Structures are given as C-alpha cells and as structure tokens.
N, C-alpha and C. Protein backbone atom coordinates (compact mmCIF):
# COMPACT_ATOMS: atom_id res chain seq x y z
N MET A 1 195.22 141.26 -153.72
CA MET A 1 195.88 142.56 -153.76
C MET A 1 195.29 143.45 -152.66
N LYS A 2 196.17 144.30 -152.11
CA LYS A 2 195.76 145.18 -151.03
C LYS A 2 196.51 146.51 -151.21
N THR A 3 195.87 147.59 -150.80
CA THR A 3 196.47 148.92 -150.93
C THR A 3 197.06 149.35 -149.60
N CYS A 4 198.30 149.81 -149.62
CA CYS A 4 198.98 150.30 -148.42
C CYS A 4 198.40 151.66 -148.05
N ARG A 5 198.08 151.84 -146.77
CA ARG A 5 197.49 153.11 -146.33
C ARG A 5 198.51 154.24 -146.27
N ILE A 6 199.81 153.93 -146.36
CA ILE A 6 200.86 154.95 -146.30
C ILE A 6 201.28 155.38 -147.71
N CYS A 7 201.78 154.41 -148.51
CA CYS A 7 202.31 154.76 -149.84
C CYS A 7 201.27 154.65 -150.95
N ARG A 8 200.10 154.10 -150.62
CA ARG A 8 198.98 153.94 -151.56
C ARG A 8 199.28 152.97 -152.71
N ALA A 9 200.34 152.21 -152.58
CA ALA A 9 200.67 151.23 -153.63
C ALA A 9 199.76 150.02 -153.49
N ARG A 10 199.39 149.47 -154.62
CA ARG A 10 198.58 148.25 -154.65
C ARG A 10 199.55 147.08 -154.75
N LEU A 11 199.56 146.26 -153.70
CA LEU A 11 200.58 145.22 -153.57
C LEU A 11 199.95 143.87 -153.25
N PRO A 12 200.69 142.78 -153.53
CA PRO A 12 200.18 141.45 -153.15
C PRO A 12 200.12 141.32 -151.62
N GLU A 13 199.26 140.45 -151.14
CA GLU A 13 199.08 140.28 -149.69
C GLU A 13 200.36 139.87 -148.98
N SER A 14 201.28 139.22 -149.68
CA SER A 14 202.56 138.80 -149.07
C SER A 14 203.43 140.01 -148.72
N SER A 15 203.09 141.19 -149.20
CA SER A 15 203.84 142.41 -148.90
C SER A 15 203.37 143.08 -147.60
N PHE A 16 202.46 142.43 -146.88
CA PHE A 16 201.92 142.98 -145.64
C PHE A 16 202.18 141.99 -144.50
N TYR A 17 202.44 142.52 -143.30
CA TYR A 17 202.61 141.67 -142.13
C TYR A 17 201.25 141.16 -141.67
N ILE A 18 201.26 140.00 -141.02
CA ILE A 18 200.04 139.43 -140.45
C ILE A 18 200.00 139.80 -138.98
N LYS A 19 198.90 140.31 -138.54
CA LYS A 19 198.70 140.68 -137.14
C LYS A 19 197.79 139.63 -136.52
N ARG A 20 198.09 139.23 -135.28
CA ARG A 20 197.29 138.20 -134.61
C ARG A 20 196.86 138.68 -133.24
N ARG A 21 195.65 138.30 -132.88
CA ARG A 21 195.16 138.51 -131.52
C ARG A 21 194.26 137.32 -131.23
N GLY A 22 194.78 136.43 -130.39
CA GLY A 22 194.03 135.20 -130.10
C GLY A 22 193.88 134.40 -131.38
N PRO A 23 192.66 133.90 -131.64
CA PRO A 23 192.44 133.10 -132.85
C PRO A 23 192.30 133.97 -134.11
N GLN A 24 192.10 135.27 -133.92
CA GLN A 24 191.90 136.16 -135.07
C GLN A 24 193.24 136.58 -135.67
N LYS A 25 193.25 136.76 -137.00
CA LYS A 25 194.42 137.31 -137.66
C LYS A 25 193.99 138.11 -138.87
N TRP A 26 194.76 139.14 -139.19
CA TRP A 26 194.45 140.01 -140.32
C TRP A 26 195.74 140.65 -140.82
N LEU A 27 195.68 141.23 -142.01
CA LEU A 27 196.84 141.90 -142.59
C LEU A 27 196.90 143.33 -142.08
N THR A 28 198.11 143.81 -141.82
CA THR A 28 198.29 145.18 -141.37
C THR A 28 197.89 146.15 -142.48
N GLY A 29 197.66 147.39 -142.11
CA GLY A 29 197.23 148.41 -143.09
C GLY A 29 198.38 148.99 -143.90
N GLU A 30 199.58 148.87 -143.38
CA GLU A 30 200.73 149.41 -144.13
C GLU A 30 201.61 148.25 -144.61
N CYS A 31 202.22 148.44 -145.76
CA CYS A 31 203.05 147.38 -146.35
C CYS A 31 204.34 147.21 -145.53
N LYS A 32 205.03 146.12 -145.76
CA LYS A 32 206.26 145.82 -145.03
C LYS A 32 207.30 146.91 -145.24
N ARG A 33 207.43 147.41 -146.46
CA ARG A 33 208.42 148.44 -146.76
C ARG A 33 208.14 149.71 -145.95
N CYS A 34 206.90 150.16 -145.92
CA CYS A 34 206.54 151.36 -145.15
C CYS A 34 206.71 151.13 -143.65
N LYS A 35 206.29 149.96 -143.16
CA LYS A 35 206.42 149.63 -141.75
C LYS A 35 207.88 149.61 -141.33
N ASN A 36 208.73 149.00 -142.15
CA ASN A 36 210.16 148.92 -141.83
C ASN A 36 210.80 150.31 -141.84
N LYS A 37 210.40 151.13 -142.81
CA LYS A 37 210.93 152.49 -142.88
C LYS A 37 210.51 153.28 -141.63
N ARG A 38 209.26 153.17 -141.25
CA ARG A 38 208.74 153.87 -140.08
C ARG A 38 209.43 153.38 -138.80
N SER A 39 209.63 152.09 -138.70
CA SER A 39 210.31 151.52 -137.53
C SER A 39 211.76 152.00 -137.45
N LYS A 40 212.43 152.02 -138.58
CA LYS A 40 213.83 152.48 -138.60
C LYS A 40 213.92 153.94 -138.16
N GLU A 41 213.03 154.78 -138.66
CA GLU A 41 213.01 156.19 -138.28
C GLU A 41 212.74 156.34 -136.78
N TYR A 42 211.77 155.58 -136.26
CA TYR A 42 211.45 155.64 -134.83
C TYR A 42 212.68 155.24 -134.00
N ASN A 43 213.33 154.15 -134.40
CA ASN A 43 214.49 153.65 -133.65
C ASN A 43 215.62 154.68 -133.64
N LEU A 44 215.84 155.35 -134.77
CA LEU A 44 216.89 156.38 -134.83
C LEU A 44 216.52 157.58 -133.96
N ASP A 45 215.27 158.00 -134.01
CA ASP A 45 214.82 159.17 -133.26
C ASP A 45 214.75 158.90 -131.75
N ASN A 46 214.60 157.65 -131.35
CA ASN A 46 214.40 157.31 -129.95
C ASN A 46 215.46 156.34 -129.42
N ALA A 47 216.67 156.43 -129.94
CA ALA A 47 217.73 155.49 -129.59
C ALA A 47 217.99 155.45 -128.09
N ASP A 48 218.06 156.61 -127.44
CA ASP A 48 218.33 156.64 -126.00
C ASP A 48 217.19 156.00 -125.20
N LYS A 49 215.97 156.29 -125.57
CA LYS A 49 214.80 155.73 -124.89
C LYS A 49 214.78 154.20 -125.03
N ILE A 50 215.04 153.72 -126.24
CA ILE A 50 215.05 152.28 -126.50
C ILE A 50 216.16 151.61 -125.71
N HIS A 51 217.33 152.26 -125.68
CA HIS A 51 218.47 151.71 -124.92
C HIS A 51 218.10 151.55 -123.45
N GLU A 52 217.49 152.57 -122.88
CA GLU A 52 217.10 152.53 -121.47
C GLU A 52 216.03 151.47 -121.22
N GLN A 53 215.07 151.33 -122.14
CA GLN A 53 214.03 150.31 -121.99
C GLN A 53 214.63 148.91 -122.01
N ARG A 54 215.56 148.70 -122.93
CA ARG A 54 216.20 147.38 -123.03
C ARG A 54 217.05 147.09 -121.80
N LYS A 55 217.75 148.11 -121.31
CA LYS A 55 218.57 147.95 -120.12
C LYS A 55 217.70 147.57 -118.92
N LEU A 56 216.59 148.27 -118.76
CA LEU A 56 215.65 147.99 -117.67
C LEU A 56 215.08 146.57 -117.80
N TYR A 57 214.73 146.18 -119.02
CA TYR A 57 214.19 144.84 -119.25
C TYR A 57 215.22 143.78 -118.84
N ARG A 58 216.50 143.99 -119.26
CA ARG A 58 217.55 143.03 -118.91
C ARG A 58 217.75 142.94 -117.41
N GLU A 59 217.68 144.10 -116.72
CA GLU A 59 217.82 144.09 -115.26
C GLU A 59 216.68 143.34 -114.59
N ARG A 60 215.46 143.57 -115.04
CA ARG A 60 214.28 142.94 -114.43
C ARG A 60 214.18 141.45 -114.75
N ASN A 61 214.78 141.02 -115.85
CA ASN A 61 214.64 139.63 -116.30
C ASN A 61 215.99 138.91 -116.35
N LYS A 62 216.93 139.35 -115.52
CA LYS A 62 218.29 138.82 -115.55
C LYS A 62 218.33 137.30 -115.42
N GLU A 63 217.63 136.76 -114.44
CA GLU A 63 217.68 135.31 -114.20
C GLU A 63 217.07 134.53 -115.35
N ARG A 64 215.94 135.00 -115.85
CA ARG A 64 215.28 134.31 -116.98
C ARG A 64 216.16 134.37 -118.23
N LEU A 65 216.76 135.53 -118.50
CA LEU A 65 217.64 135.66 -119.67
C LEU A 65 218.89 134.80 -119.52
N TYR A 66 219.44 134.75 -118.30
CA TYR A 66 220.60 133.92 -118.05
C TYR A 66 220.27 132.45 -118.30
N ALA A 67 219.12 132.00 -117.79
CA ALA A 67 218.71 130.61 -117.98
C ALA A 67 218.50 130.30 -119.45
N HIS A 68 217.89 131.25 -120.17
CA HIS A 68 217.66 131.06 -121.61
C HIS A 68 219.00 130.95 -122.35
N THR A 69 219.95 131.82 -122.01
CA THR A 69 221.26 131.79 -122.66
C THR A 69 221.99 130.49 -122.34
N ALA A 70 221.96 130.09 -121.08
CA ALA A 70 222.62 128.84 -120.67
C ALA A 70 222.02 127.65 -121.41
N ASP A 71 220.70 127.65 -121.56
CA ASP A 71 220.02 126.59 -122.28
C ASP A 71 220.43 126.57 -123.76
N TRP A 72 220.50 127.76 -124.36
CA TRP A 72 220.90 127.85 -125.77
C TRP A 72 222.32 127.35 -125.96
N VAL A 73 223.23 127.76 -125.08
CA VAL A 73 224.63 127.33 -125.16
C VAL A 73 224.72 125.81 -125.06
N LYS A 74 223.96 125.23 -124.12
CA LYS A 74 223.96 123.78 -123.92
C LYS A 74 223.45 123.04 -125.16
N ASN A 75 222.41 123.59 -125.80
CA ASN A 75 221.78 122.91 -126.93
C ASN A 75 222.38 123.26 -128.29
N ASN A 76 223.30 124.22 -128.36
CA ASN A 76 223.86 124.65 -129.64
C ASN A 76 225.38 124.79 -129.61
N PRO A 77 226.10 123.74 -129.19
CA PRO A 77 227.55 123.87 -129.05
C PRO A 77 228.25 124.18 -130.39
N LEU A 78 227.77 123.61 -131.47
CA LEU A 78 228.40 123.85 -132.76
C LEU A 78 228.19 125.29 -133.24
N LYS A 79 226.98 125.81 -133.04
CA LYS A 79 226.72 127.21 -133.40
C LYS A 79 227.55 128.15 -132.54
N LEU A 80 227.68 127.82 -131.26
CA LEU A 80 228.48 128.64 -130.36
C LEU A 80 229.94 128.66 -130.82
N ARG A 81 230.49 127.49 -131.12
CA ARG A 81 231.89 127.42 -131.57
C ARG A 81 232.06 128.18 -132.87
N ALA A 82 231.12 128.02 -133.81
CA ALA A 82 231.22 128.73 -135.09
C ALA A 82 231.20 130.24 -134.87
N SER A 83 230.38 130.72 -133.95
CA SER A 83 230.32 132.17 -133.71
C SER A 83 231.60 132.66 -133.03
N GLN A 84 232.17 131.84 -132.14
CA GLN A 84 233.43 132.21 -131.49
C GLN A 84 234.56 132.29 -132.51
N VAL A 85 234.64 131.31 -133.39
CA VAL A 85 235.70 131.28 -134.41
C VAL A 85 235.54 132.47 -135.36
N LYS A 86 234.30 132.78 -135.73
CA LYS A 86 234.04 133.93 -136.59
C LYS A 86 234.46 135.23 -135.91
N ARG A 87 234.09 135.38 -134.64
CA ARG A 87 234.41 136.60 -133.90
C ARG A 87 235.91 136.75 -133.65
N LEU A 88 236.57 135.66 -133.26
CA LEU A 88 237.98 135.73 -132.90
C LEU A 88 238.93 135.75 -134.10
N TYR A 89 238.58 134.98 -135.14
CA TYR A 89 239.52 134.80 -136.26
C TYR A 89 238.96 135.23 -137.62
N GLY A 90 237.69 135.59 -137.67
CA GLY A 90 237.09 135.99 -138.95
C GLY A 90 236.89 134.82 -139.89
N LEU A 91 236.87 133.61 -139.36
CA LEU A 91 236.78 132.39 -140.16
C LEU A 91 235.35 131.87 -140.15
N GLU A 92 234.75 131.72 -141.33
CA GLU A 92 233.41 131.17 -141.45
C GLU A 92 233.47 129.66 -141.19
N TYR A 93 232.32 129.09 -140.83
CA TYR A 93 232.26 127.65 -140.53
C TYR A 93 232.81 126.81 -141.67
N HIS A 94 232.38 127.10 -142.91
CA HIS A 94 232.82 126.27 -144.05
C HIS A 94 234.33 126.43 -144.29
N GLU A 95 234.89 127.59 -143.98
CA GLU A 95 236.34 127.79 -144.13
C GLU A 95 237.09 127.00 -143.06
N HIS A 96 236.56 127.00 -141.85
CA HIS A 96 237.14 126.24 -140.74
C HIS A 96 237.14 124.75 -141.09
N TRP A 97 236.00 124.28 -141.59
CA TRP A 97 235.87 122.86 -141.96
C TRP A 97 236.83 122.53 -143.11
N ALA A 98 236.95 123.42 -144.10
CA ALA A 98 237.85 123.19 -145.24
C ALA A 98 239.31 123.10 -144.77
N LEU A 99 239.68 123.91 -143.79
CA LEU A 99 241.02 123.87 -143.24
C LEU A 99 241.29 122.52 -142.57
N LEU A 100 240.32 122.03 -141.82
CA LEU A 100 240.45 120.71 -141.20
C LEU A 100 240.57 119.61 -142.26
N GLU A 101 239.75 119.71 -143.29
CA GLU A 101 239.80 118.72 -144.38
C GLU A 101 241.17 118.74 -145.06
N TYR A 102 241.69 119.94 -145.32
CA TYR A 102 242.99 120.10 -145.96
C TYR A 102 244.09 119.44 -145.13
N GLN A 103 243.98 119.56 -143.80
CA GLN A 103 244.95 118.96 -142.89
C GLN A 103 244.62 117.50 -142.58
N GLN A 104 243.58 116.98 -143.19
CA GLN A 104 243.11 115.62 -142.97
C GLN A 104 242.80 115.37 -141.48
N HIS A 105 242.28 116.41 -140.82
CA HIS A 105 241.90 116.35 -139.41
C HIS A 105 243.06 115.91 -138.52
N ARG A 106 244.27 116.35 -138.88
CA ARG A 106 245.48 116.01 -138.13
C ARG A 106 246.27 117.26 -137.80
N CYS A 107 246.91 117.28 -136.63
CA CYS A 107 247.83 118.36 -136.27
C CYS A 107 249.02 118.26 -137.22
N PRO A 108 249.39 119.35 -137.90
CA PRO A 108 250.50 119.28 -138.85
C PRO A 108 251.86 119.06 -138.18
N ILE A 109 251.94 119.19 -136.87
CA ILE A 109 253.22 119.00 -136.17
C ILE A 109 253.39 117.56 -135.71
N CYS A 110 252.36 117.00 -135.05
CA CYS A 110 252.50 115.66 -134.48
C CYS A 110 251.62 114.60 -135.12
N GLY A 111 250.62 115.01 -135.91
CA GLY A 111 249.74 114.04 -136.54
C GLY A 111 248.56 113.61 -135.70
N GLU A 112 248.45 114.15 -134.46
CA GLU A 112 247.28 113.82 -133.62
C GLU A 112 246.02 114.35 -134.28
N GLY A 113 244.89 113.72 -133.96
CA GLY A 113 243.62 114.16 -134.51
C GLY A 113 243.22 115.54 -133.98
N VAL A 114 242.67 116.37 -134.86
CA VAL A 114 242.13 117.67 -134.47
C VAL A 114 240.71 117.79 -134.99
N ASN A 115 239.92 118.67 -134.37
CA ASN A 115 238.52 118.83 -134.78
C ASN A 115 238.12 120.30 -134.68
N LEU A 116 236.84 120.57 -134.78
CA LEU A 116 236.35 121.95 -134.75
C LEU A 116 236.64 122.65 -133.42
N TRP A 117 236.88 121.89 -132.35
CA TRP A 117 237.15 122.49 -131.04
C TRP A 117 238.64 122.63 -130.78
N SER A 118 239.47 122.17 -131.68
CA SER A 118 240.92 122.28 -131.50
C SER A 118 241.37 123.72 -131.70
N ASP A 119 242.60 124.01 -131.26
CA ASP A 119 243.13 125.37 -131.30
C ASP A 119 243.43 125.81 -132.73
N ILE A 120 243.09 127.06 -133.02
CA ILE A 120 243.39 127.65 -134.32
C ILE A 120 244.66 128.46 -134.18
N ASP A 121 245.69 128.03 -134.89
CA ASP A 121 246.98 128.73 -134.84
C ASP A 121 246.93 129.90 -135.81
N HIS A 122 247.36 131.07 -135.31
CA HIS A 122 247.34 132.27 -136.14
C HIS A 122 248.50 133.17 -135.75
N ASP A 123 248.91 134.00 -136.70
CA ASP A 123 249.95 134.99 -136.46
C ASP A 123 249.31 136.13 -135.66
N HIS A 124 249.81 136.38 -134.48
CA HIS A 124 249.21 137.40 -133.62
C HIS A 124 249.41 138.81 -134.17
N ALA A 125 250.45 139.01 -134.97
CA ALA A 125 250.70 140.34 -135.53
C ALA A 125 249.76 140.65 -136.69
N SER A 126 249.64 139.70 -137.62
CA SER A 126 248.83 139.94 -138.82
C SER A 126 247.42 139.37 -138.72
N GLY A 127 247.21 138.39 -137.82
CA GLY A 127 245.92 137.73 -137.71
C GLY A 127 245.75 136.60 -138.71
N LYS A 128 246.76 136.36 -139.55
CA LYS A 128 246.68 135.31 -140.58
C LYS A 128 246.58 133.93 -139.93
N ILE A 129 245.62 133.14 -140.41
CA ILE A 129 245.42 131.78 -139.92
C ILE A 129 246.47 130.88 -140.55
N ARG A 130 247.16 130.08 -139.69
CA ARG A 130 248.17 129.15 -140.21
C ARG A 130 247.66 127.72 -140.25
N GLY A 131 246.75 127.37 -139.36
CA GLY A 131 246.25 126.00 -139.35
C GLY A 131 245.55 125.69 -138.04
N VAL A 132 245.17 124.42 -137.89
CA VAL A 132 244.54 123.94 -136.66
C VAL A 132 245.53 122.99 -136.01
N LEU A 133 245.87 123.27 -134.74
CA LEU A 133 246.87 122.47 -134.04
C LEU A 133 246.26 121.82 -132.80
N CYS A 134 246.93 120.77 -132.32
CA CYS A 134 246.55 120.21 -131.02
C CYS A 134 246.92 121.25 -129.96
N ALA A 135 246.31 121.15 -128.80
CA ALA A 135 246.51 122.14 -127.74
C ALA A 135 247.98 122.24 -127.33
N SER A 136 248.67 121.09 -127.23
CA SER A 136 250.07 121.09 -126.79
C SER A 136 250.96 121.90 -127.72
N HIS A 137 250.80 121.69 -129.01
CA HIS A 137 251.69 122.37 -129.96
C HIS A 137 251.30 123.83 -130.17
N ASN A 138 250.04 124.14 -130.06
CA ASN A 138 249.64 125.55 -130.13
C ASN A 138 250.22 126.32 -128.94
N THR A 139 250.14 125.71 -127.75
CA THR A 139 250.72 126.32 -126.55
C THR A 139 252.24 126.42 -126.69
N GLY A 140 252.85 125.35 -127.21
CA GLY A 140 254.31 125.34 -127.39
C GLY A 140 254.79 126.47 -128.29
N LEU A 141 254.11 126.66 -129.41
CA LEU A 141 254.49 127.76 -130.31
C LEU A 141 254.36 129.10 -129.59
N GLY A 142 253.32 129.24 -128.81
CA GLY A 142 253.12 130.48 -128.06
C GLY A 142 254.21 130.69 -127.03
N GLU A 143 254.63 129.62 -126.35
CA GLU A 143 255.69 129.73 -125.34
C GLU A 143 257.03 130.14 -125.96
N PHE A 144 257.24 129.77 -127.22
CA PHE A 144 258.46 130.18 -127.92
C PHE A 144 258.28 131.52 -128.63
N GLY A 145 257.20 132.19 -128.34
CA GLY A 145 256.95 133.51 -128.93
C GLY A 145 256.80 133.46 -130.43
N GLU A 146 256.42 132.30 -130.96
CA GLU A 146 256.26 132.10 -132.41
C GLU A 146 257.54 132.48 -133.16
N ASN A 147 258.68 132.27 -132.51
CA ASN A 147 259.98 132.64 -133.07
C ASN A 147 260.66 131.40 -133.67
N PRO A 148 260.77 131.32 -135.00
CA PRO A 148 261.37 130.15 -135.64
C PRO A 148 262.81 129.88 -135.19
N LYS A 149 263.59 130.94 -134.93
CA LYS A 149 264.98 130.78 -134.50
C LYS A 149 265.03 130.06 -133.15
N LEU A 150 264.18 130.48 -132.22
CA LEU A 150 264.14 129.82 -130.91
C LEU A 150 263.71 128.36 -131.04
N LEU A 151 262.76 128.10 -131.93
CA LEU A 151 262.30 126.72 -132.14
C LEU A 151 263.43 125.86 -132.74
N ARG A 152 264.19 126.43 -133.68
CA ARG A 152 265.33 125.69 -134.25
C ARG A 152 266.39 125.44 -133.17
N ASN A 153 266.65 126.46 -132.32
CA ASN A 153 267.60 126.29 -131.22
C ASN A 153 267.15 125.18 -130.28
N ALA A 154 265.86 125.14 -129.98
CA ALA A 154 265.33 124.10 -129.10
C ALA A 154 265.49 122.72 -129.74
N ALA A 155 265.23 122.62 -131.04
CA ALA A 155 265.39 121.34 -131.74
C ALA A 155 266.86 120.90 -131.71
N SER A 156 267.78 121.84 -131.97
CA SER A 156 269.22 121.53 -131.94
C SER A 156 269.63 121.07 -130.54
N TYR A 157 269.14 121.74 -129.53
CA TYR A 157 269.45 121.38 -128.15
C TYR A 157 269.01 119.94 -127.87
N LEU A 158 267.80 119.60 -128.27
CA LEU A 158 267.30 118.23 -128.03
C LEU A 158 268.13 117.21 -128.81
N GLU A 159 268.51 117.54 -130.04
CA GLU A 159 269.31 116.61 -130.84
C GLU A 159 270.69 116.40 -130.24
N ARG A 160 271.33 117.50 -129.75
CA ARG A 160 272.66 117.41 -129.15
C ARG A 160 272.67 116.64 -127.84
N ASN A 161 271.66 116.87 -127.03
CA ASN A 161 271.64 116.30 -125.68
C ASN A 161 270.78 115.06 -125.53
N GLY A 162 270.30 114.55 -126.62
CA GLY A 162 269.49 113.35 -126.57
C GLY A 162 268.10 113.64 -126.04
N ARG A 163 267.25 112.79 -126.41
CA ARG A 163 265.85 112.98 -125.99
C ARG A 163 265.51 112.00 -124.94
C-alpha cells in the first residue's frame, strides 16, 4: 500500500505508475487517477502550445515518421483494411467478416470469390451496406447510378439483342 501525495488516499501499488531511469525504477508519488486528472487539465489549458510542439516535431521528423508509417502499413495490412472499412463504412471487422460468411465468400451477382479486400457495396444516399461485391459488379452498379430501372433496361436490351 502507498499513499498518494495529491489525494492522500491509501492505495495498492498497482494504482501508481512506475518510473524508470536506467536500471532503477520506482513508483510515482501521485496515483494514476490524480496523474491522469492533472494531465488532462494541463492538456486542456495548453492545447495551442501542445499543437505547435507536435507540429514542430512532425516537421523535424518527417522522414522518420514516414518510414515508420510505411513500415507499419507493410506489416499490418489486415489492421489497415479494418480501419479503412470502419472509417469509410462504419463496419467493424467482425461485422465485415460475418457479411462475407453470410455470402459464403461469393459475389451475390456472379458467384466469384470475394474477401476482406473486395469492394463493399453500399447505398450512397443512406450509407446502408448491401453486401460485398467483386470489383466488376460494384463498378457496374455505380456506372448505372445504382438505378434498378436502368439495370432492368440493360438486361432487357441484352436479352433482345443476344449476348
């Protein structure tokens, strides 16, 4: 047990951060709750200063940060795709996978295999996810403006004039 120097609460040692310097390490004098509260207050009070410091750091370390990002992208393709799908469509990884499973990993139009990198078909007006399509059919729906009448007209045209 250790007493926090800020709130004076007697808390277990796991409630304190560990500070390290070389081979030495010790528990901080303030508990995690007090430290986090103090940090949050500092960040709010100094938002502009912190923003400028971070901007300067990014400018001075542009090449190193770029290399680090490129390395992360190369080594984490699945995490990258999951974050893109979440950002673009609001779909969590497990929901994306469940959709593929539901479709039996097949394009619902042609039956070709689809995977986590295949196109996600969605209604552009509402954002509603309709399914996972092969690239050709996702592009095709887009070219027809997602208009069912135009798609039916195109099907009738092909049937009348032979394929």
